[in-house]
Amino acid sequence: MSTDNFKIVIMGLHYAPESTGNAPYTTGLAEGLSSRGHTVQVLTGYPHYPEWKVHAGYKGWSSREVVNGVRVKRFRHHVPTRPTSLSRLHMELSFGVRLLFARWGRPDVIILVSPALFSVGVASLRYKLSRNRPAIAIWVQDLYSRGVVEAGNGSRGFGKLAIWLEARILTSGDGVVAIHERFARYIIASLHGSHSSTRVVRNWTHLPEAPCSDRRDTRASLGWSEDEIIVLHAGNMGKKQGLHNVVTAAKYAETIKSKVRFVLMGDGNQKMRLIAASAGISNIDFVDSLPQRDFQAAMRAADVLLVNELPGVKDMSVPSKLTSYFSAGVPVLAATDEGSVTASEIEASSAGVRVNANDPQGLVQAAEELAQDPELAARLGDNGIRFTRDTLSAGAAIDQFDDYVRHLAQSRSR
């Protein structure tokens, strides 16, 4: 590997202290490349996700800070109080305009993070007009056009427009980094990406090794009794998670006097609706986001870790929570369509079981079966830890990105 070091600018809407979505990966990449000798600057937004409210202490038109050796410049942008497709577009475009007129310096490589796809598109207008532009890599964390189709966010015509637009944006740079093999195949086959310039670098487990904690004490502190089967969903509560299925499952569990108790931990634009829909149901609780140490302890204290998706969601995203779940050593239960990316991750890891999306009775039954078979649960949990170690190593992922960045920079300079 070359010892040359380069100036790198990473542009993405989300960054620490945001702790969910793609922020931990953008943060980890920036800090990882910096630790390998590169000069890294991040241009990002004010932290607001998943609460959809700018965090306390972030004021003004822009701000600067140095975080773990990385220079971070933040720009104020529109943050919708009630996120919809249109308001999210407004947010992305407003951030993109801030990038368009920001000082980028003279980097060797720019890494653009999608989402936010439209911010990437606006930023691309600037580097296309540059005489001596740097090498450009677009890092694809979600497939926007698949989201439009699978989540039902538009007509068939709008879906075709989304495919055309995403194709134009993702092929505008020098290379694309996809977080999953399925994403790469779609980018090449449907978005006309180049085989030679599309690289797969998987997201990694961004949590440190789980601290020692007493399971019984953690459950008691969270109000979980020992005889309950705790099914924990940790992370964003948005539309694509389809969590009304979990509300229905909780109501069913209550009806049959099941010991299954669903716990939804975190925030998101659907949270208040879910709380309202759960009124009077005893088998479901809502917990605010916890600090990292307590979050890890809560995952380890649960009996089952839940991924729930809307029917039809297959290729649009890889749930970021899976990288955390696998490291907890607890079996994963995925309510998702057969053949989805999530289903393929469960199969590849051998760390959990799958039930059909929007099957609340199947969800309760699968949770009960896992609780009644401790040997299976332990084996699935161990498989998750093994998959984390062998496939989701942060060091290996950053090394791959480092190699890719050097290749882009050196190719551009020739």
Protein backbone atom coordinates (compact mmCIF):
# COMPACT_ATOMS: atom_id res chain seq x y z
CA MET A 1 0.00 0.00 0.00
CA SER A 2 1.28 3.48 -0.85
CA THR A 3 2.42 5.70 2.00
CA ASP A 4 1.22 8.85 0.22
CA ASN A 5 -1.28 10.82 2.27
CA PHE A 6 -3.97 13.02 0.80
CA LYS A 7 -6.31 15.85 1.60
CA ILE A 8 -9.82 14.44 1.86
CA VAL A 9 -13.13 16.27 2.24
CA ILE A 10 -16.18 14.24 3.31
CA MET A 11 -19.56 15.82 2.68
CA GLY A 12 -22.60 14.33 4.37
CA LEU A 13 -25.72 15.59 6.09
CA HIS A 14 -25.23 13.45 9.20
CA TYR A 15 -22.31 13.24 11.66
CA ALA A 16 -21.65 12.71 15.36
CA PRO A 17 -23.14 13.41 17.87
CA GLU A 18 -25.97 11.79 15.89
CA SER A 19 -25.82 8.13 16.90
CA THR A 20 -28.16 6.41 14.44
CA GLY A 21 -28.51 6.13 10.66
CA ASN A 22 -25.37 6.74 8.63
CA ALA A 23 -23.81 9.27 11.05
CA PRO A 24 -21.72 6.67 12.96
CA TYR A 25 -20.24 5.40 9.69
CA THR A 26 -19.41 8.85 8.30
CA THR A 27 -17.83 9.68 11.66
CA GLY A 28 -15.92 6.40 11.79
CA LEU A 29 -14.67 6.81 8.23
CA ALA A 30 -13.44 10.36 8.84
CA GLU A 31 -11.64 9.41 12.03
CA GLY A 32 -10.28 6.19 10.51
CA LEU A 33 -8.81 7.94 7.46
CA SER A 34 -7.39 10.65 9.71
CA SER A 35 -5.68 8.04 11.88
CA ARG A 36 -4.08 6.60 8.73
CA GLY A 37 -2.32 9.91 8.05
CA HIS A 38 -4.72 11.71 5.73
CA THR A 39 -5.80 15.29 6.32
CA VAL A 40 -9.56 15.03 6.68
CA GLN A 41 -12.20 17.75 6.75
CA VAL A 42 -15.93 17.09 7.13
CA LEU A 43 -18.66 19.39 5.83
CA THR A 44 -21.91 18.42 7.51
CA GLY A 45 -25.21 19.67 8.87
CA TYR A 46 -26.35 20.54 12.36
CA PRO A 47 -27.23 17.36 14.30
CA HIS A 48 -30.98 16.75 14.27
CA TYR A 49 -31.68 13.07 13.58
CA PRO A 50 -33.77 11.08 14.48
CA GLU A 51 -35.51 13.68 16.67
CA TRP A 52 -35.97 16.07 13.70
CA LYS A 53 -34.90 18.92 15.95
CA VAL A 54 -31.52 20.64 16.01
CA HIS A 55 -29.61 19.56 19.11
CA ALA A 56 -29.17 22.06 21.93
CA GLY A 57 -26.04 24.18 21.70
CA TYR A 58 -25.88 24.38 17.91
CA LYS A 59 -26.65 27.95 16.90
CA GLY A 60 -25.79 30.37 14.14
CA TRP A 61 -25.34 30.05 10.41
CA SER A 62 -22.34 27.74 10.68
CA SER A 63 -19.87 26.40 13.23
CA ARG A 64 -16.41 24.87 13.36
CA GLU A 65 -14.87 22.31 15.68
CA VAL A 66 -12.16 19.66 15.79
CA VAL A 67 -13.42 16.23 16.83
CA ASN A 68 -10.88 13.44 17.38
CA GLY A 69 -8.42 15.02 14.98
CA VAL A 70 -10.99 15.78 12.27
CA ARG A 71 -11.90 19.34 11.29
CA VAL A 72 -15.67 19.54 11.20
CA LYS A 73 -17.57 22.46 9.68
CA ARG A 74 -21.33 22.45 10.19
CA PHE A 75 -23.93 24.35 8.20
CA ARG A 76 -27.40 25.28 9.26
CA HIS A 77 -30.06 23.95 6.90
CA HIS A 78 -33.80 23.39 6.86
CA VAL A 79 -34.98 20.74 9.34
CA PRO A 80 -38.62 19.73 8.89
CA THR A 81 -40.71 19.35 12.03
CA ARG A 82 -42.94 16.87 10.19
CA PRO A 83 -40.75 15.07 7.66
CA THR A 84 -42.44 14.21 4.38
CA SER A 85 -41.00 13.48 0.95
CA LEU A 86 -41.33 17.16 0.03
CA SER A 87 -39.91 18.51 3.30
CA ARG A 88 -36.98 16.09 3.14
CA LEU A 89 -36.29 17.31 -0.40
CA HIS A 90 -36.30 20.87 0.95
CA MET A 91 -33.81 19.84 3.65
CA GLU A 92 -31.46 18.09 1.25
CA LEU A 93 -31.52 20.93 -1.27
CA SER A 94 -30.91 23.53 1.43
CA PHE A 95 -27.88 21.59 2.65
CA GLY A 96 -26.72 21.10 -0.93
CA VAL A 97 -26.84 24.85 -1.55
CA ARG A 98 -24.70 25.39 1.56
CA LEU A 99 -22.16 22.94 0.14
CA LEU A 100 -22.31 24.64 -3.25
CA PHE A 101 -21.09 27.93 -1.82
CA ALA A 102 -18.81 26.59 0.94
CA ARG A 103 -15.02 26.74 0.89
CA TRP A 104 -13.78 23.26 0.07
CA GLY A 105 -10.07 24.07 0.02
CA ARG A 106 -8.02 22.10 -2.48
CA PRO A 107 -8.68 18.43 -1.63
CA ASP A 108 -7.28 15.49 -3.51
CA VAL A 109 -10.44 13.44 -2.93
CA ILE A 110 -14.03 14.32 -2.09
CA ILE A 111 -16.35 11.68 -0.61
CA LEU A 112 -20.06 12.48 -0.97
CA VAL A 113 -22.46 10.54 1.26
CA SER A 114 -25.85 9.49 -0.11
CA PRO A 115 -28.31 9.96 1.41
CA ALA A 116 -28.66 12.89 1.12
CA LEU A 117 -28.85 12.20 -2.63
CA PHE A 118 -30.09 15.65 -3.66
CA SER A 119 -27.31 17.32 -1.67
CA VAL A 120 -24.88 15.16 -3.61
CA GLY A 121 -26.56 16.27 -6.84
CA VAL A 122 -26.23 19.96 -5.99
CA ALA A 123 -22.60 19.56 -4.92
CA SER A 124 -21.87 17.76 -8.19
CA LEU A 125 -22.84 20.90 -10.11
CA ARG A 126 -19.87 22.67 -8.59
CA TYR A 127 -17.18 20.06 -9.16
CA LYS A 128 -18.34 19.51 -12.75
CA LEU A 129 -17.51 23.14 -13.47
CA SER A 130 -14.10 23.02 -11.76
CA ARG A 131 -11.07 23.15 -14.03
CA ASN A 132 -8.80 21.04 -11.82
CA ARG A 133 -11.35 19.13 -9.85
CA PRO A 134 -10.40 16.46 -7.30
CA ALA A 135 -11.31 12.79 -7.50
CA ILE A 136 -14.93 12.19 -6.49
CA ALA A 137 -16.33 9.12 -4.74
CA ILE A 138 -20.03 8.75 -3.89
CA TRP A 139 -20.71 6.55 -0.87
CA VAL A 140 -24.14 4.91 -1.19
CA GLN A 141 -25.77 4.07 2.15
CA ASP A 142 -29.33 3.82 0.77
CA LEU A 143 -30.83 3.47 -2.69
CA TYR A 144 -33.14 6.43 -3.16
CA SER A 145 -34.95 5.14 -6.24
CA ARG A 146 -35.66 1.78 -4.61
CA GLY A 147 -37.04 3.63 -1.60
CA VAL A 148 -39.47 5.56 -3.79
CA VAL A 149 -40.76 2.33 -5.29
CA GLU A 150 -40.70 0.05 -2.26
CA ALA A 151 -42.05 2.49 0.31
CA GLY A 152 -44.76 3.72 -2.06
CA ASN A 153 -43.58 7.33 -2.04
CA GLY A 154 -44.78 8.21 -5.52
CA SER A 155 -46.40 7.15 -8.75
CA ARG A 156 -44.86 4.78 -11.27
CA GLY A 157 -43.78 7.77 -13.34
CA PHE A 158 -42.10 9.34 -10.32
CA GLY A 159 -40.32 6.05 -9.70
CA LYS A 160 -38.88 6.13 -13.22
CA LEU A 161 -37.81 9.73 -12.72
CA ALA A 162 -36.10 8.77 -9.45
CA ILE A 163 -34.17 6.00 -11.21
CA TRP A 164 -33.05 8.39 -13.97
CA LEU A 165 -32.03 11.07 -11.48
CA GLU A 166 -30.15 8.70 -9.17
CA ALA A 167 -28.35 7.21 -12.16
CA ARG A 168 -27.23 10.66 -13.35
CA ILE A 169 -25.98 11.62 -9.89
CA LEU A 170 -24.21 8.36 -9.02
CA THR A 171 -22.40 8.21 -12.35
CA SER A 172 -21.27 11.84 -12.18
CA GLY A 173 -18.16 11.12 -10.13
CA ASP A 174 -15.12 8.90 -10.51
CA GLY A 175 -16.38 6.00 -8.46
CA VAL A 176 -19.14 4.62 -6.25
CA VAL A 177 -18.76 2.78 -2.97
CA ALA A 178 -21.78 0.63 -2.04
CA ILE A 179 -22.32 -0.88 1.39
CA HIS A 180 -23.73 -4.15 0.09
CA GLU A 181 -23.28 -6.47 -2.88
CA ARG A 182 -27.00 -6.14 -3.72
CA PHE A 183 -26.60 -2.36 -3.93
CA ALA A 184 -23.63 -2.70 -6.25
CA ARG A 185 -25.50 -5.06 -8.57
CA TYR A 186 -28.44 -2.64 -8.74
CA ILE A 187 -26.17 0.34 -9.39
CA ILE A 188 -24.47 -1.48 -12.27
CA ALA A 189 -27.55 -3.14 -13.79
CA SER A 190 -30.23 -0.47 -13.31
CA LEU A 191 -28.36 2.81 -12.81
CA HIS A 192 -25.71 2.18 -15.50
CA GLY A 193 -22.81 2.33 -13.07
CA SER A 194 -19.40 1.18 -14.21
CA HIS A 195 -18.33 -2.28 -13.10
CA SER A 196 -14.72 -1.18 -12.73
CA SER A 197 -15.46 1.93 -10.66
CA THR A 198 -18.04 0.42 -8.28
CA ARG A 199 -16.59 -0.96 -5.06
CA VAL A 200 -18.30 -2.74 -2.17
CA VAL A 201 -17.21 -1.78 1.35
CA ARG A 202 -19.58 -3.07 3.98
CA ASN A 203 -20.63 -1.01 6.95
CA TRP A 204 -19.07 -2.17 10.17
CA THR A 205 -19.97 -2.57 13.81
CA HIS A 206 -19.29 0.90 15.18
CA LEU A 207 -19.81 0.05 18.84
CA PRO A 208 -16.85 -0.86 21.05
CA GLU A 209 -16.75 -4.24 22.75
CA ALA A 210 -19.78 -4.45 25.02
CA PRO A 211 -18.94 -3.56 28.63
CA CYS A 212 -19.61 -6.10 31.33
CA SER A 213 -23.03 -5.58 32.84
CA ASP A 214 -25.35 -7.56 35.05
CA ARG A 215 -28.30 -8.72 32.96
CA ARG A 216 -30.63 -8.96 35.94
CA ASP A 217 -29.76 -5.47 37.18
CA THR A 218 -30.18 -3.97 33.69
CA ARG A 219 -33.59 -5.56 33.27
CA ALA A 220 -34.67 -4.35 36.69
CA SER A 221 -33.51 -0.79 35.93
CA LEU A 222 -35.58 -0.81 32.74
CA GLY A 223 -38.64 -2.32 34.41
CA TRP A 224 -38.30 -5.69 32.66
CA SER A 225 -39.18 -8.68 34.80
CA GLU A 226 -37.26 -11.94 34.52
CA ASP A 227 -40.24 -13.95 33.32
CA GLU A 228 -41.03 -11.61 30.40
CA ILE A 229 -39.78 -12.23 26.85
CA ILE A 230 -38.33 -8.85 25.92
CA VAL A 231 -38.32 -8.15 22.19
CA LEU A 232 -36.32 -4.95 21.69
CA HIS A 233 -36.44 -2.72 18.62
CA ALA A 234 -33.63 -0.16 18.91
CA GLY A 235 -33.25 2.71 16.47
CA ASN A 236 -35.28 4.87 14.14
CA MET A 237 -39.07 4.70 14.11
CA GLY A 238 -39.83 5.79 10.57
CA LYS A 239 -42.12 4.76 7.77
CA LYS A 240 -39.97 2.01 6.27
CA GLN A 241 -39.77 0.25 9.65
CA GLY A 242 -43.52 -0.46 9.47
CA LEU A 243 -43.80 -0.58 13.25
CA HIS A 244 -47.59 -0.55 13.34
CA ASN A 245 -47.10 -4.28 12.76
CA VAL A 246 -45.43 -4.41 16.18
CA VAL A 247 -48.31 -2.54 17.79
CA THR A 248 -50.70 -5.13 16.35
CA ALA A 249 -48.41 -7.92 17.55
CA ALA A 250 -48.39 -6.45 21.07
CA LYS A 251 -52.17 -6.32 21.10
CA TYR A 252 -52.30 -9.95 19.97
CA ALA A 253 -49.76 -10.94 22.66
CA GLU A 254 -51.94 -9.25 25.26
CA THR A 255 -55.03 -11.07 23.98
CA ILE A 256 -53.46 -14.52 24.25
CA LYS A 257 -51.73 -13.65 27.55
CA SER A 258 -48.29 -14.15 26.05
CA LYS A 259 -45.17 -13.24 28.03
CA VAL A 260 -43.83 -11.37 24.98
CA ARG A 261 -43.28 -7.67 25.65
CA PHE A 262 -42.22 -5.37 22.84
CA VAL A 263 -39.94 -2.44 23.66
CA LEU A 264 -39.38 0.30 21.07
CA MET A 265 -36.27 2.29 21.95
CA GLY A 266 -35.24 5.46 20.15
CA ASP A 267 -36.98 8.19 18.21
CA GLY A 268 -38.32 8.97 14.75
CA ASN A 269 -41.09 10.67 12.83
CA GLN A 270 -43.59 7.87 13.51
CA LYS A 271 -43.02 7.62 17.26
CA MET A 272 -45.93 9.76 18.43
CA ARG A 273 -48.34 7.96 16.11
CA LEU A 274 -47.13 4.62 17.42
CA ILE A 275 -47.54 5.76 21.02
CA ALA A 276 -51.09 6.91 20.26
CA ALA A 277 -51.90 3.60 18.53
CA SER A 278 -50.53 1.68 21.53
CA ALA A 279 -52.73 3.40 24.12
CA GLY A 280 -54.14 0.82 26.52
CA ILE A 281 -51.94 -2.06 25.30
CA SER A 282 -49.93 -3.53 28.17
CA ASN A 283 -47.43 -5.55 26.11
CA ILE A 284 -45.58 -2.63 24.52
CA ASP A 285 -43.35 0.11 25.93
CA PHE A 286 -41.46 3.07 24.51
CA VAL A 287 -38.01 4.03 25.76
CA ASP A 288 -35.97 7.10 24.82
CA SER A 289 -32.52 6.69 23.31
CA LEU A 290 -29.89 5.69 25.87
CA PRO A 291 -26.21 6.60 26.20
CA GLN A 292 -23.92 4.13 24.43
CA ARG A 293 -22.96 2.05 27.48
CA ASP A 294 -26.58 1.76 28.65
CA PHE A 295 -27.73 1.06 25.09
CA GLN A 296 -25.34 -1.87 24.78
CA ALA A 297 -26.38 -3.19 28.17
CA ALA A 298 -30.05 -2.98 27.17
CA MET A 299 -29.42 -4.97 23.99
CA ARG A 300 -27.57 -7.68 25.90
CA ALA A 301 -30.34 -7.83 28.50
CA ALA A 302 -33.11 -8.37 25.92
CA ASP A 303 -34.21 -11.83 24.86
CA VAL A 304 -34.68 -10.96 21.17
CA LEU A 305 -33.55 -8.03 19.00
CA LEU A 306 -36.11 -6.98 16.39
CA VAL A 307 -35.83 -5.68 12.83
CA ASN A 308 -39.26 -4.87 11.38
CA GLU A 309 -39.87 -3.67 7.81
CA LEU A 310 -42.80 -2.70 5.66
CA PRO A 311 -43.99 -5.31 3.18
CA GLY A 312 -42.32 -4.62 -0.17
CA VAL A 313 -39.09 -3.22 1.32
CA LYS A 314 -36.39 -5.39 -0.26
CA ASP A 315 -33.47 -3.49 -1.75
CA MET A 316 -33.69 0.11 -0.56
CA SER A 317 -31.48 -0.16 2.53
CA VAL A 318 -29.47 -2.33 4.87
CA PRO A 319 -30.76 -1.65 8.41
CA SER A 320 -27.88 -0.02 10.26
CA LYS A 321 -29.11 -1.52 13.52
CA LEU A 322 -28.01 -4.98 12.36
CA THR A 323 -24.33 -4.17 12.85
CA SER A 324 -25.10 -3.30 16.49
CA TYR A 325 -27.44 -6.25 16.98
CA PHE A 326 -24.94 -8.84 15.78
CA SER A 327 -22.33 -7.59 18.25
CA ALA A 328 -24.69 -8.03 21.23
CA GLY A 329 -24.74 -11.81 21.21
CA VAL A 330 -28.56 -11.90 21.26
CA PRO A 331 -30.71 -13.64 18.60
CA VAL A 332 -32.20 -11.39 15.92
CA LEU A 333 -35.80 -11.65 14.76
CA ALA A 334 -36.44 -10.08 11.36
CA ALA A 335 -39.96 -9.37 10.15
CA THR A 336 -39.18 -8.82 6.49
CA ASP A 337 -40.03 -10.09 3.03
CA GLU A 338 -38.38 -13.24 1.78
CA GLY A 339 -35.48 -12.30 -0.48
CA SER A 340 -34.93 -8.86 1.05
CA VAL A 341 -31.47 -7.49 1.85
CA THR A 342 -32.31 -7.89 5.52
CA ALA A 343 -33.28 -11.53 5.00
CA SER A 344 -29.99 -12.13 3.18
CA GLU A 345 -28.06 -10.64 6.11
CA ILE A 346 -29.88 -12.91 8.57
CA GLU A 347 -29.09 -15.90 6.38
CA ALA A 348 -25.44 -14.93 5.84
CA SER A 349 -24.84 -14.37 9.56
CA SER A 350 -26.90 -17.33 10.83
CA ALA A 351 -27.64 -14.99 13.72
CA GLY A 352 -31.43 -14.96 13.70
CA VAL A 353 -34.71 -16.06 12.21
CA ARG A 354 -37.09 -14.47 9.73
CA VAL A 355 -40.86 -14.14 9.67
CA ASN A 356 -42.94 -12.50 6.99
CA ALA A 357 -43.43 -8.74 7.10
CA ASN A 358 -46.83 -7.69 8.45
CA ASP A 359 -47.46 -11.00 10.22
CA PRO A 360 -48.05 -9.98 13.85
CA GLN A 361 -49.07 -13.44 15.02
CA GLY A 362 -45.98 -14.96 13.41
CA LEU A 363 -43.87 -12.33 15.14
CA VAL A 364 -45.19 -13.26 18.58
CA GLN A 365 -44.88 -16.97 17.89
CA ALA A 366 -41.27 -16.69 16.70
CA ALA A 367 -40.31 -14.66 19.79
CA GLU A 368 -41.88 -17.29 22.04
CA GLU A 369 -40.09 -20.12 20.22
CA LEU A 370 -36.71 -18.40 20.61
CA ALA A 371 -37.32 -17.89 24.32
CA GLN A 372 -38.34 -21.53 24.76
CA ASP A 373 -35.17 -22.83 23.07
CA PRO A 374 -32.22 -21.32 24.97
CA GLU A 375 -29.70 -23.51 23.12
CA LEU A 376 -30.86 -22.16 19.74
CA ALA A 377 -30.91 -18.60 21.09
CA ALA A 378 -27.35 -18.96 22.41
CA ARG A 379 -26.14 -20.44 19.13
CA LEU A 380 -27.68 -17.62 17.09
CA GLY A 381 -26.17 -15.04 19.44
CA ASP A 382 -22.72 -16.62 19.15
CA ASN A 383 -23.06 -16.65 15.36
CA GLY A 384 -23.77 -12.91 15.42
CA ILE A 385 -20.59 -12.23 17.40
CA ARG A 386 -18.60 -14.43 15.00
CA PHE A 387 -20.07 -12.61 11.98
CA THR A 388 -19.15 -9.29 13.58
CA ARG A 389 -15.56 -10.39 14.07
CA ASP A 390 -15.10 -12.03 10.66
CA THR A 391 -17.15 -9.77 8.37
CA LEU A 392 -17.99 -6.49 10.11
CA SER A 393 -14.58 -5.40 11.34
CA ALA A 394 -14.15 -1.62 11.38
CA GLY A 395 -10.42 -1.88 10.77
CA ALA A 396 -10.85 -4.02 7.66
CA ALA A 397 -13.54 -1.71 6.24
CA ILE A 398 -11.47 1.45 6.78
CA ASP A 399 -8.44 -0.25 5.22
CA GLN A 400 -10.52 -1.01 2.11
CA PHE A 401 -11.71 2.59 1.96
CA ASP A 402 -8.16 3.84 2.47
CA ASP A 403 -6.97 1.71 -0.43
CA TYR A 404 -9.83 2.99 -2.61
CA VAL A 405 -9.15 6.64 -1.74
CA ARG A 406 -5.47 6.27 -2.59
CA HIS A 407 -6.35 4.59 -5.89
CA LEU A 408 -8.74 7.42 -6.82
CA ALA A 409 -6.28 10.15 -5.88
CA GLN A 410 -3.39 8.56 -7.75
CA SER A 411 -5.52 7.81 -10.81
CA ARG A 412 -6.72 11.40 -10.92
CA SER A 413 -3.19 12.80 -10.68
CA ARG A 414 -1.94 10.77 -13.64
